[in-house]
Protein backbone atom coordinates (compact mmCIF):
# COMPACT_ATOMS: atom_id res chain seq x y z
CA GLU A 1 -70.95 45.55 92.06
CA ALA A 2 -70.74 42.02 90.67
CA THR A 3 -67.20 40.78 90.02
CA ARG A 4 -68.11 40.15 86.37
CA VAL A 5 -68.87 43.87 86.00
CA SER A 6 -65.56 44.77 87.67
CA GLY A 7 -63.86 42.24 85.40
CA ASN A 8 -65.36 43.90 82.34
CA ARG A 9 -63.95 47.23 83.43
CA ALA A 10 -60.54 45.63 83.89
CA ILE A 11 -60.72 44.00 80.44
CA GLN A 12 -61.49 47.35 78.82
CA GLU A 13 -58.38 48.90 80.37
CA ILE A 14 -56.19 45.89 79.59
CA ALA A 15 -57.41 45.91 75.98
CA ARG A 16 -56.62 49.62 75.73
CA LEU A 17 -53.08 49.12 77.06
CA VAL A 18 -52.33 45.78 75.34
CA PRO A 19 -53.35 45.90 71.66
CA THR A 20 -52.50 42.21 71.25
CA TYR A 21 -55.03 41.15 73.90
CA LEU A 22 -57.89 38.97 72.64
CA THR A 23 -60.81 37.51 74.54
CA GLY A 24 -63.48 35.00 73.76
CA SER A 25 -66.36 33.12 75.21
CA ALA A 26 -68.05 29.76 74.97
CA ASP A 27 -71.38 31.40 74.15
CA LEU A 28 -71.48 33.51 77.33
CA HIS A 29 -70.08 36.98 76.54
CA ALA A 30 -73.22 38.64 77.89
CA SER A 31 -73.25 36.64 81.12
CA VAL A 32 -69.54 36.69 81.98
CA CYS A 33 -69.03 40.21 80.56
CA ASN A 34 -65.63 39.65 78.95
CA TYR A 35 -66.38 41.47 75.68
CA ILE A 36 -63.89 44.12 74.50
CA ASP A 37 -65.97 47.18 73.66
CA GLY A 38 -65.23 48.35 70.12
CA GLY A 39 -63.03 45.29 69.55
CA GLY A 40 -65.24 43.72 66.91
CA ALA A 41 -65.95 40.04 66.38
CA PHE A 42 -63.19 37.78 65.05
CA GLY A 43 -63.94 35.56 62.04
CA SER A 44 -65.54 35.70 58.64
CA GLY A 45 -69.13 36.29 57.70
CA PHE A 46 -71.81 38.54 59.09
CA ASP A 47 -70.32 41.43 61.14
CA LYS A 48 -67.02 39.58 61.69
CA THR A 49 -63.50 40.43 60.61
CA TYR A 50 -60.07 38.89 61.08
CA THR A 51 -59.02 42.02 62.97
CA GLY A 52 -61.70 41.42 65.62
CA ARG A 53 -60.60 40.97 69.23
CA ASN A 54 -63.67 39.08 70.50
CA ILE A 55 -63.87 35.39 69.60
CA TYR A 56 -67.19 33.55 69.65
CA PHE A 57 -66.37 29.90 70.30
CA GLY A 58 -69.93 28.67 70.63
CA ILE A 59 -70.74 26.01 73.20
CA ARG A 60 -67.31 24.39 72.87
CA GLU A 61 -65.33 24.81 76.07
CA HIS A 62 -62.67 22.20 75.29
CA ALA A 63 -62.15 23.58 71.78
CA MET A 64 -61.97 27.09 73.23
CA GLY A 65 -59.18 25.99 75.58
CA ALA A 66 -57.27 24.31 72.75
CA ILE A 67 -57.57 27.39 70.54
CA LEU A 68 -56.47 29.67 73.39
CA ASN A 69 -53.44 27.43 73.92
CA GLY A 70 -52.62 27.65 70.21
CA ILE A 71 -52.85 31.43 70.35
CA ALA A 72 -50.57 31.44 73.40
CA TYR A 73 -48.06 29.06 71.77
CA HIS A 74 -47.87 31.41 68.78
CA GLY A 75 -46.51 34.02 71.15
CA ILE A 76 -47.76 37.34 69.79
CA PHE A 77 -51.14 37.52 71.48
CA LYS A 78 -52.34 37.34 75.08
CA ALA A 79 -55.70 35.58 75.14
CA SER A 80 -58.47 34.85 77.59
CA GLY A 81 -61.62 32.79 77.38
CA SER A 82 -64.69 32.59 79.55
CA THR A 83 -67.52 30.33 80.53
CA PHE A 84 -69.49 29.39 83.63
CA LEU A 85 -67.42 27.67 86.30
CA VAL A 86 -69.63 24.60 86.13
CA PHE A 87 -68.26 23.99 82.62
CA GLY A 88 -64.66 24.26 83.80
CA ASP A 89 -64.36 20.47 83.79
CA TYR A 90 -64.63 20.55 80.00
CA LEU A 91 -61.61 22.88 79.96
CA ARG A 92 -59.52 20.98 82.51
CA PRO A 93 -57.34 19.03 80.02
CA THR A 94 -56.44 22.14 78.03
CA MET A 95 -55.89 24.20 81.19
CA ARG A 96 -53.58 21.47 82.47
CA VAL A 97 -51.57 21.50 79.22
CA ALA A 98 -51.26 25.29 79.40
CA ALA A 99 -50.17 25.16 83.03
CA LEU A 100 -47.65 22.33 82.57
CA SER A 101 -46.28 24.05 79.45
CA GLU A 102 -45.96 27.30 81.40
CA LEU A 103 -47.64 29.20 78.59
CA GLY A 104 -48.45 32.23 80.72
CA ARG A 105 -50.18 33.99 77.82
CA VAL A 106 -53.61 32.47 78.35
CA SER A 107 -56.20 33.21 81.05
CA TYR A 108 -59.49 31.53 81.84
CA ILE A 109 -62.37 33.56 83.22
CA PHE A 110 -65.15 31.75 85.03
CA GLY A 111 -68.41 33.27 86.16
CA HIS A 112 -71.34 32.13 88.22
CA ASP A 113 -69.30 30.27 90.81
CA SER A 114 -71.64 30.50 93.77
CA VAL A 115 -74.22 28.41 95.56
CA GLY A 116 -76.54 31.34 94.95
CA VAL A 117 -76.56 31.41 91.15
CA GLY A 118 -80.33 31.30 91.03
CA GLU A 119 -82.77 29.62 88.72
CA ASP A 120 -80.41 26.95 87.36
CA GLY A 121 -80.22 25.27 90.75
CA PRO A 122 -77.72 22.69 92.00
CA THR A 123 -76.49 21.68 88.55
CA HIS A 124 -74.95 25.14 88.20
CA GLN A 125 -73.42 25.42 91.67
CA PRO A 126 -69.89 24.07 91.14
CA ILE A 127 -68.53 24.57 94.64
CA GLU A 128 -65.96 21.76 94.23
CA THR A 129 -64.58 22.90 90.88
CA VAL A 130 -62.30 25.65 92.21
CA PHE A 131 -60.66 23.15 94.56
CA CYS A 132 -60.04 20.76 91.65
CA MET A 133 -58.45 23.53 89.58
CA ARG A 134 -56.13 24.41 92.45
CA LEU A 135 -54.68 20.89 92.23
CA ILE A 136 -53.27 21.51 88.72
CA PRO A 137 -49.52 22.25 88.95
CA ASN A 138 -48.49 25.75 87.76
CA LEU A 139 -52.12 26.93 87.48
CA ASP A 140 -52.77 30.13 89.41
CA VAL A 141 -56.38 30.26 90.57
CA PHE A 142 -57.93 33.50 91.82
CA ARG A 143 -61.43 33.73 93.25
CA PRO A 144 -61.96 37.43 93.89
CA ALA A 145 -64.57 38.60 96.36
CA ASP A 146 -64.91 42.25 95.34
CA ALA A 147 -64.02 44.80 92.68
CA GLU A 148 -60.52 45.47 94.02
CA GLU A 149 -59.60 41.76 94.11
CA THR A 150 -61.12 41.27 90.66
CA VAL A 151 -58.95 43.97 89.10
CA ALA A 152 -55.89 42.54 90.86
CA ALA A 153 -56.71 39.06 89.51
CA TYR A 154 -57.01 40.35 85.94
CA VAL A 155 -53.77 42.31 86.21
CA ALA A 156 -51.96 39.30 87.69
CA SER A 157 -53.18 37.03 84.92
């Protein structure tokens, strides 16, 4: 089972147990699988509501990180956001702020972190990005290898 599938199962259970848990994606809910089933879409307009628990950020990784930090600073909600690992560099400044501020109420979920990601080729094989993230003080980085480690990583975050 792919870790993103295991992660989705973990998110469903976390969302059931933590009603203040929100998640979002920089245009990759379907690929990273971090959608809360039955959670609805957050926002206004077509099929969205301000009670939704899934946030569609669009292709805006840095803005997603800043918004997640704002949600975490508010203090009521626990939030997570996802994108492909190759786009983690766009999030690095906001992840660093969250880590140095010891927010603890924000998690970043990255998918497609392998040299075997397929048709996108070398531009989507960010093998050095995890190492760079591990250099950020106070940032816990988990790279699970199977379903059990994935669930543990979600619970720890």
